[in-house]
Amino acid sequence: MPSLATAAPARQDLRRLLTGSGADRLLLVLAIVTIAALWLWMQREVPAGPPMVMIYHGKHLLAEYPIPTGGAPIHVHAKGDIGVSDIVIDTHGVHFESSPCIGKQCILAGTKHHAGDIIACVPNRILVSIRGSGARNDGYDGIVQ
Protein backbone atom coordinates (compact mmCIF):
# COMPACT_ATOMS: atom_id res chain seq x y z
CA MET A 1 0.00 0.00 0.00
CA PRO A 2 1.48 3.37 -0.96
CA SER A 3 2.17 5.80 1.79
CA LEU A 4 0.54 9.20 1.98
CA ALA A 5 3.81 10.83 0.98
CA THR A 6 3.96 8.94 -2.35
CA ALA A 7 0.21 9.32 -3.12
CA ALA A 8 0.23 13.12 -2.89
CA PRO A 9 2.62 13.73 -5.83
CA ALA A 10 0.53 11.42 -8.05
CA ARG A 11 -2.59 13.40 -7.16
CA GLN A 12 -0.78 16.66 -7.94
CA ASP A 13 0.32 15.31 -11.35
CA LEU A 14 -3.27 14.35 -12.13
CA ARG A 15 -4.51 17.79 -11.10
CA ARG A 16 -1.86 19.41 -13.31
CA LEU A 17 -3.00 17.29 -16.28
CA LEU A 18 -6.65 18.21 -15.79
CA THR A 19 -6.07 21.94 -15.40
CA GLY A 20 -4.76 23.60 -18.51
CA SER A 21 -3.76 27.06 -19.46
CA GLY A 22 -6.17 29.70 -20.76
CA ALA A 23 -5.25 28.80 -24.34
CA ASP A 24 -6.11 25.14 -23.67
CA ARG A 25 -9.52 26.10 -22.33
CA LEU A 26 -10.13 28.40 -25.31
CA LEU A 27 -9.24 25.64 -27.76
CA LEU A 28 -11.55 23.23 -25.94
CA VAL A 29 -14.47 25.67 -26.11
CA LEU A 30 -13.80 26.39 -29.80
CA ALA A 31 -13.70 22.65 -30.56
CA ILE A 32 -17.02 22.05 -28.78
CA VAL A 33 -18.68 25.00 -30.54
CA THR A 34 -17.34 23.83 -33.93
CA ILE A 35 -18.60 20.29 -33.38
CA ALA A 36 -22.04 21.57 -32.34
CA ALA A 37 -22.23 23.91 -35.36
CA LEU A 38 -21.24 21.14 -37.77
CA TRP A 39 -23.80 18.79 -36.23
CA LEU A 40 -26.58 21.35 -36.63
CA TRP A 41 -25.50 22.11 -40.21
CA MET A 42 -25.54 18.38 -41.09
CA GLN A 43 -29.00 17.94 -39.57
CA ARG A 44 -30.31 20.83 -41.65
CA GLU A 45 -28.78 19.47 -44.86
CA VAL A 46 -30.37 16.00 -44.55
CA PRO A 47 -33.25 15.88 -47.02
CA ALA A 48 -36.64 16.15 -45.35
CA GLY A 49 -40.07 15.29 -46.53
CA PRO A 50 -41.51 12.12 -48.00
CA PRO A 51 -39.15 9.43 -49.27
CA MET A 52 -38.39 9.92 -52.96
CA VAL A 53 -37.52 7.08 -55.33
CA MET A 54 -34.77 8.05 -57.78
CA ILE A 55 -34.22 5.80 -60.82
CA TYR A 56 -30.96 6.13 -62.74
CA HIS A 57 -29.46 4.62 -65.87
CA GLY A 58 -25.75 5.08 -65.35
CA LYS A 59 -25.40 8.67 -64.15
CA HIS A 60 -28.57 9.86 -65.93
CA LEU A 61 -31.70 10.39 -63.79
CA LEU A 62 -34.61 8.65 -65.53
CA ALA A 63 -37.42 9.25 -63.03
CA GLU A 64 -38.21 10.58 -59.58
CA TYR A 65 -41.36 9.63 -57.67
CA PRO A 66 -42.53 9.88 -54.06
CA ILE A 67 -43.46 6.62 -52.34
CA PRO A 68 -47.28 6.76 -52.49
CA THR A 69 -49.35 6.54 -49.33
CA GLY A 70 -52.29 5.00 -51.16
CA GLY A 71 -53.76 4.40 -54.56
CA ALA A 72 -52.54 2.43 -57.52
CA PRO A 73 -48.90 1.38 -57.81
CA ILE A 74 -46.61 3.22 -60.21
CA HIS A 75 -44.94 1.11 -62.90
CA VAL A 76 -41.76 2.54 -64.38
CA HIS A 77 -40.20 0.96 -67.47
CA ALA A 78 -36.52 1.83 -67.29
CA LYS A 79 -34.56 1.19 -70.48
CA GLY A 80 -31.06 0.00 -69.69
CA ASP A 81 -28.11 -1.40 -71.60
CA ILE A 82 -29.56 -4.89 -72.15
CA GLY A 83 -33.29 -4.21 -72.11
CA VAL A 84 -36.18 -2.79 -70.12
CA SER A 85 -36.53 -3.25 -66.36
CA ASP A 86 -40.00 -2.97 -64.84
CA ILE A 87 -39.84 -1.15 -61.48
CA VAL A 88 -42.91 -0.95 -59.22
CA ILE A 89 -43.40 1.81 -56.64
CA ASP A 90 -46.27 1.19 -54.22
CA THR A 91 -47.24 1.81 -50.60
CA HIS A 92 -44.81 -0.90 -49.46
CA GLY A 93 -41.81 0.68 -51.22
CA VAL A 94 -40.02 -0.03 -54.46
CA HIS A 95 -38.95 -3.27 -56.14
CA PHE A 96 -37.95 -4.71 -59.50
CA GLU A 97 -40.86 -6.62 -61.03
CA SER A 98 -38.88 -7.88 -64.02
CA SER A 99 -35.47 -7.34 -65.55
CA PRO A 100 -33.59 -8.76 -68.55
CA CYS A 101 -30.48 -9.67 -66.54
CA ILE A 102 -29.44 -13.29 -66.07
CA GLY A 103 -28.88 -13.49 -62.29
CA LYS A 104 -32.04 -11.55 -61.28
CA GLN A 105 -30.30 -10.29 -58.12
CA CYS A 106 -32.22 -7.02 -58.44
CA ILE A 107 -35.53 -8.91 -58.22
CA LEU A 108 -34.28 -11.07 -55.36
CA ALA A 109 -33.33 -7.92 -53.41
CA GLY A 110 -37.02 -7.51 -52.59
CA THR A 111 -38.89 -4.38 -51.63
CA LYS A 112 -36.98 -1.43 -50.21
CA HIS A 113 -38.67 1.42 -48.35
CA HIS A 114 -36.19 3.22 -46.09
CA ALA A 115 -34.24 6.36 -46.92
CA GLY A 116 -30.78 5.33 -48.07
CA ASP A 117 -31.85 1.94 -49.50
CA ILE A 118 -30.51 1.05 -52.94
CA ILE A 119 -31.34 -1.66 -55.48
CA ALA A 120 -29.16 -2.11 -58.55
CA CYS A 121 -29.42 -4.14 -61.73
CA VAL A 122 -25.73 -4.09 -62.57
CA PRO A 123 -25.84 -5.75 -66.05
CA ASN A 124 -28.60 -3.35 -67.14
CA ARG A 125 -26.96 -0.37 -65.36
CA ILE A 126 -30.21 0.60 -63.58
CA LEU A 127 -29.98 1.99 -60.04
CA VAL A 128 -32.93 2.66 -57.74
CA SER A 129 -32.24 4.83 -54.70
CA ILE A 130 -34.53 6.10 -51.95
CA ARG A 131 -33.77 9.56 -50.59
CA GLY A 132 -35.47 11.70 -47.99
CA SER A 133 -36.90 10.72 -44.65
CA GLY A 134 -39.51 8.15 -43.85
CA ALA A 135 -41.06 6.37 -40.91
CA ARG A 136 -37.69 4.97 -39.90
CA ASN A 137 -35.13 7.64 -40.66
CA ASP A 138 -31.65 6.58 -39.73
CA GLY A 139 -30.41 9.62 -41.64
CA TYR A 140 -26.81 9.99 -42.59
CA ASP A 141 -23.99 9.57 -40.19
CA GLY A 142 -21.00 11.88 -40.05
CA ILE A 143 -18.98 9.85 -42.53
CA VAL A 144 -21.34 8.45 -45.14
CA GLN A 145 -23.73 10.58 -47.10
C-alpha atoms as a PDB file:
ATOM      1  CA  MET A   1       0.000   0.000   0.000  1.00  0.00           C
ATOM      2  CA  PRO A   2       1.482   3.373  -0.959  1.00  0.00           C
ATOM      3  CA  SER A   3       2.168   5.801   1.792  1.00  0.00           C
ATOM      4  CA  LEU A   4       0.540   9.198   1.975  1.00  0.00           C
ATOM      5  CA  ALA A   5       3.810  10.826   0.982  1.00  0.00           C
ATOM      6  CA  THR A   6       3.956   8.942  -2.350  1.00  0.00           C
ATOM      7  CA  ALA A   7       0.212   9.320  -3.124  1.00  0.00           C
ATOM      8  CA  ALA A   8       0.225  13.121  -2.890  1.00  0.00           C
ATOM      9  CA  PRO A   9       2.617  13.726  -5.832  1.00  0.00           C
ATOM     10  CA  ALA A  10       0.526  11.422  -8.053  1.00  0.00           C
ATOM     11  CA  ARG A  11      -2.590  13.404  -7.164  1.00  0.00           C
ATOM     12  CA  GLN A  12      -0.783  16.662  -7.943  1.00  0.00           C
ATOM     13  CA  ASP A  13       0.317  15.305 -11.346  1.00  0.00           C
ATOM     14  CA  LEU A  14      -3.271  14.352 -12.135  1.00  0.00           C
ATOM     15  CA  ARG A  15      -4.513  17.786 -11.099  1.00  0.00           C
ATOM     16  CA  ARG A  16      -1.861  19.408 -13.306  1.00  0.00           C
ATOM     17  CA  LEU A  17      -2.995  17.286 -16.281  1.00  0.00           C
ATOM     18  CA  LEU A  18      -6.647  18.214 -15.788  1.00  0.00           C
ATOM     19  CA  THR A  19      -6.070  21.936 -15.400  1.00  0.00           C
ATOM     20  CA  GLY A  20      -4.764  23.597 -18.514  1.00  0.00           C
ATOM     21  CA  SER A  21      -3.758  27.063 -19.460  1.00  0.00           C
ATOM     22  CA  GLY A  22      -6.168  29.696 -20.755  1.00  0.00           C
ATOM     23  CA  ALA A  23      -5.246  28.802 -24.335  1.00  0.00           C
ATOM     24  CA  ASP A  24      -6.114  25.141 -23.670  1.00  0.00           C
ATOM     25  CA  ARG A  25      -9.517  26.100 -22.326  1.00  0.00           C
ATOM     26  CA  LEU A  26     -10.134  28.402 -25.305  1.00  0.00           C
ATOM     27  CA  LEU A  27      -9.238  25.637 -27.760  1.00  0.00           C
ATOM     28  CA  LEU A  28     -11.552  23.226 -25.945  1.00  0.00           C
ATOM     29  CA  VAL A  29     -14.469  25.674 -26.105  1.00  0.00           C
ATOM     30  CA  LEU A  30     -13.802  26.389 -29.797  1.00  0.00           C
ATOM     31  CA  ALA A  31     -13.696  22.650 -30.556  1.00  0.00           C
ATOM     32  CA  ILE A  32     -17.019  22.049 -28.775  1.00  0.00           C
ATOM     33  CA  VAL A  33     -18.676  25.003 -30.540  1.00  0.00           C
ATOM     34  CA  THR A  34     -17.338  23.831 -33.928  1.00  0.00           C
ATOM     35  CA  ILE A  35     -18.602  20.287 -33.383  1.00  0.00           C
ATOM     36  CA  ALA A  36     -22.040  21.574 -32.340  1.00  0.00           C
ATOM     37  CA  ALA A  37     -22.231  23.914 -35.357  1.00  0.00           C
ATOM     38  CA  LEU A  38     -21.236  21.136 -37.768  1.00  0.00           C
ATOM     39  CA  TRP A  39     -23.802  18.787 -36.226  1.00  0.00           C
ATOM     40  CA  LEU A  40     -26.582  21.350 -36.630  1.00  0.00           C
ATOM     41  CA  TRP A  41     -25.504  22.106 -40.210  1.00  0.00           C
ATOM     42  CA  MET A  42     -25.541  18.385 -41.094  1.00  0.00           C
ATOM     43  CA  GLN A  43     -29.000  17.940 -39.571  1.00  0.00           C
ATOM     44  CA  ARG A  44     -30.310  20.830 -41.650  1.00  0.00           C
ATOM     45  CA  GLU A  45     -28.779  19.468 -44.861  1.00  0.00           C
ATOM     46  CA  VAL A  46     -30.369  16.002 -44.555  1.00  0.00           C
ATOM     47  CA  PRO A  47     -33.247  15.882 -47.020  1.00  0.00           C
ATOM     48  CA  ALA A  48     -36.636  16.146 -45.345  1.00  0.00           C
ATOM     49  CA  GLY A  49     -40.073  15.285 -46.533  1.00  0.00           C
ATOM     50  CA  PRO A  50     -41.507  12.124 -48.004  1.00  0.00           C
ATOM     51  CA  PRO A  51     -39.146   9.433 -49.266  1.00  0.00           C
ATOM     52  CA  MET A  52     -38.392   9.918 -52.955  1.00  0.00           C
ATOM     53  CA  VAL A  53     -37.517   7.077 -55.333  1.00  0.00           C
ATOM     54  CA  MET A  54     -34.769   8.052 -57.776  1.00  0.00           C
ATOM     55  CA  ILE A  55     -34.222   5.804 -60.820  1.00  0.00           C
ATOM     56  CA  TYR A  56     -30.955   6.131 -62.743  1.00  0.00           C
ATOM     57  CA  HIS A  57     -29.463   4.625 -65.868  1.00  0.00           C
ATOM     58  CA  GLY A  58     -25.754   5.080 -65.347  1.00  0.00           C
ATOM     59  CA  LYS A  59     -25.399   8.666 -64.149  1.00  0.00           C
ATOM     60  CA  HIS A  60     -28.572   9.862 -65.929  1.00  0.00           C
ATOM     61  CA  LEU A  61     -31.699  10.386 -63.791  1.00  0.00           C
ATOM     62  CA  LEU A  62     -34.609   8.650 -65.525  1.00  0.00           C
ATOM     63  CA  ALA A  63     -37.424   9.251 -63.034  1.00  0.00           C
ATOM     64  CA  GLU A  64     -38.207  10.583 -59.576  1.00  0.00           C
ATOM     65  CA  TYR A  65     -41.364   9.634 -57.667  1.00  0.00           C
ATOM     66  CA  PRO A  66     -42.527   9.882 -54.055  1.00  0.00           C
ATOM     67  CA  ILE A  67     -43.457   6.623 -52.344  1.00  0.00           C
ATOM     68  CA  PRO A  68     -47.278   6.761 -52.493  1.00  0.00           C
ATOM     69  CA  THR A  69     -49.354   6.539 -49.328  1.00  0.00           C
ATOM     70  CA  GLY A  70     -52.285   4.996 -51.165  1.00  0.00           C
ATOM     71  CA  GLY A  71     -53.761   4.396 -54.556  1.00  0.00           C
ATOM     72  CA  ALA A  72     -52.544   2.427 -57.520  1.00  0.00           C
ATOM     73  CA  PRO A  73     -48.901   1.380 -57.806  1.00  0.00           C
ATOM     74  CA  ILE A  74     -46.610   3.219 -60.205  1.00  0.00           C
ATOM     75  CA  HIS A  75     -44.936   1.114 -62.902  1.00  0.00           C
ATOM     76  CA  VAL A  76     -41.759   2.539 -64.382  1.00  0.00           C
ATOM     77  CA  HIS A  77     -40.204   0.956 -67.467  1.00  0.00           C
ATOM     78  CA  ALA A  78     -36.518   1.835 -67.291  1.00  0.00           C
ATOM     79  CA  LYS A  79     -34.556   1.190 -70.478  1.00  0.00           C
ATOM     80  CA  GLY A  80     -31.062  -0.002 -69.688  1.00  0.00           C
ATOM     81  CA  ASP A  81     -28.107  -1.404 -71.604  1.00  0.00           C
ATOM     82  CA  ILE A  82     -29.556  -4.886 -72.152  1.00  0.00           C
ATOM     83  CA  GLY A  83     -33.293  -4.212 -72.113  1.00  0.00           C
ATOM     84  CA  VAL A  84     -36.178  -2.791 -70.117  1.00  0.00           C
ATOM     85  CA  SER A  85     -36.531  -3.251 -66.358  1.00  0.00           C
ATOM     86  CA  ASP A  86     -40.003  -2.965 -64.837  1.00  0.00           C
ATOM     87  CA  ILE A  87     -39.840  -1.154 -61.478  1.00  0.00           C
ATOM     88  CA  VAL A  88     -42.910  -0.949 -59.225  1.00  0.00           C
ATOM     89  CA  ILE A  89     -43.400   1.807 -56.637  1.00  0.00           C
ATOM     90  CA  ASP A  90     -46.274   1.189 -54.216  1.00  0.00           C
ATOM     91  CA  THR A  91     -47.238   1.810 -50.597  1.00  0.00           C
ATOM     92  CA  HIS A  92     -44.814  -0.902 -49.460  1.00  0.00           C
ATOM     93  CA  GLY A  93     -41.813   0.675 -51.215  1.00  0.00           C
ATOM     94  CA  VAL A  94     -40.022  -0.029 -54.464  1.00  0.00           C
ATOM     95  CA  HIS A  95     -38.954  -3.268 -56.138  1.00  0.00           C
ATOM     96  CA  PHE A  96     -37.950  -4.709 -59.499  1.00  0.00           C
ATOM     97  CA  GLU A  97     -40.861  -6.619 -61.027  1.00  0.00           C
ATOM     98  CA  SER A  98     -38.876  -7.880 -64.022  1.00  0.00           C
ATOM     99  CA  SER A  99     -35.466  -7.337 -65.546  1.00  0.00           C
ATOM    100  CA  PRO A 100     -33.591  -8.764 -68.552  1.00  0.00           C
ATOM    101  CA  CYS A 101     -30.476  -9.667 -66.539  1.00  0.00           C
ATOM    102  CA  ILE A 102     -29.436 -13.291 -66.067  1.00  0.00           C
ATOM    103  CA  GLY A 103     -28.885 -13.485 -62.294  1.00  0.00           C
ATOM    104  CA  LYS A 104     -32.045 -11.552 -61.277  1.00  0.00           C
ATOM    105  CA  GLN A 105     -30.304 -10.285 -58.117  1.00  0.00           C
ATOM    106  CA  CYS A 106     -32.219  -7.023 -58.441  1.00  0.00           C
ATOM    107  CA  ILE A 107     -35.530  -8.908 -58.218  1.00  0.00           C
ATOM    108  CA  LEU A 108     -34.277 -11.072 -55.361  1.00  0.00           C
ATOM    109  CA  ALA A 109     -33.327  -7.917 -53.409  1.00  0.00           C
ATOM    110  CA  GLY A 110     -37.020  -7.514 -52.593  1.00  0.00           C
ATOM    111  CA  THR A 111     -38.892  -4.381 -51.626  1.00  0.00           C
ATOM    112  CA  LYS A 112     -36.977  -1.428 -50.210  1.00  0.00           C
ATOM    113  CA  HIS A 113     -38.675   1.415 -48.355  1.00  0.00           C
ATOM    114  CA  HIS A 114     -36.187   3.216 -46.091  1.00  0.00           C
ATOM    115  CA  ALA A 115     -34.241   6.362 -46.922  1.00  0.00           C
ATOM    116  CA  GLY A 116     -30.782   5.326 -48.068  1.00  0.00           C
ATOM    117  CA  ASP A 117     -31.854   1.945 -49.495  1.00  0.00           C
ATOM    118  CA  ILE A 118     -30.508   1.045 -52.937  1.00  0.00           C
ATOM    119  CA  ILE A 119     -31.339  -1.662 -55.480  1.00  0.00           C
ATOM    120  CA  ALA A 120     -29.160  -2.105 -58.553  1.00  0.00           C
ATOM    121  CA  CYS A 121     -29.417  -4.140 -61.731  1.00  0.00           C
ATOM    122  CA  VAL A 122     -25.734  -4.091 -62.572  1.00  0.00           C
ATOM    123  CA  PRO A 123     -25.844  -5.746 -66.046  1.00  0.00           C
ATOM    124  CA  ASN A 124     -28.603  -3.355 -67.144  1.00  0.00           C
ATOM    125  CA  ARG A 125     -26.961  -0.367 -65.363  1.00  0.00           C
ATOM    126  CA  ILE A 126     -30.211   0.596 -63.581  1.00  0.00           C
ATOM    127  CA  LEU A 127     -29.976   1.986 -60.041  1.00  0.00           C
ATOM    128  CA  VAL A 128     -32.931   2.660 -57.735  1.00  0.00           C
ATOM    129  CA  SER A 129     -32.243   4.831 -54.703  1.00  0.00           C
ATOM    130  CA  ILE A 130     -34.529   6.105 -51.953  1.00  0.00           C
ATOM    131  CA  ARG A 131     -33.771   9.559 -50.592  1.00  0.00           C
ATOM    132  CA  GLY A 132     -35.466  11.696 -47.995  1.00  0.00           C
ATOM    133  CA  SER A 133     -36.898  10.722 -44.650  1.00  0.00           C
ATOM    134  CA  GLY A 134     -39.507   8.149 -43.847  1.00  0.00           C
ATOM    135  CA  ALA A 135     -41.064   6.369 -40.914  1.00  0.00           C
ATOM    136  CA  ARG A 136     -37.690   4.974 -39.903  1.00  0.00           C
ATOM    137  CA  ASN A 137     -35.129   7.642 -40.657  1.00  0.00           C
ATOM    138  CA  ASP A 138     -31.645   6.579 -39.729  1.00  0.00           C
ATOM    139  CA  GLY A 139     -30.413   9.619 -41.639  1.00  0.00           C
ATOM    140  CA  TYR A 140     -26.813   9.992 -42.588  1.00  0.00           C
ATOM    141  CA  ASP A 141     -23.992   9.574 -40.189  1.00  0.00           C
ATOM    142  CA  GLY A 142     -20.995  11.882 -40.049  1.00  0.00           C
ATOM    143  CA  ILE A 143     -18.979   9.851 -42.529  1.00  0.00           C
ATOM    144  CA  VAL A 144     -21.337   8.445 -45.143  1.00  0.00           C
ATOM    145  CA  GLN A 145     -23.730  10.578 -47.098  1.00  0.00           C
END
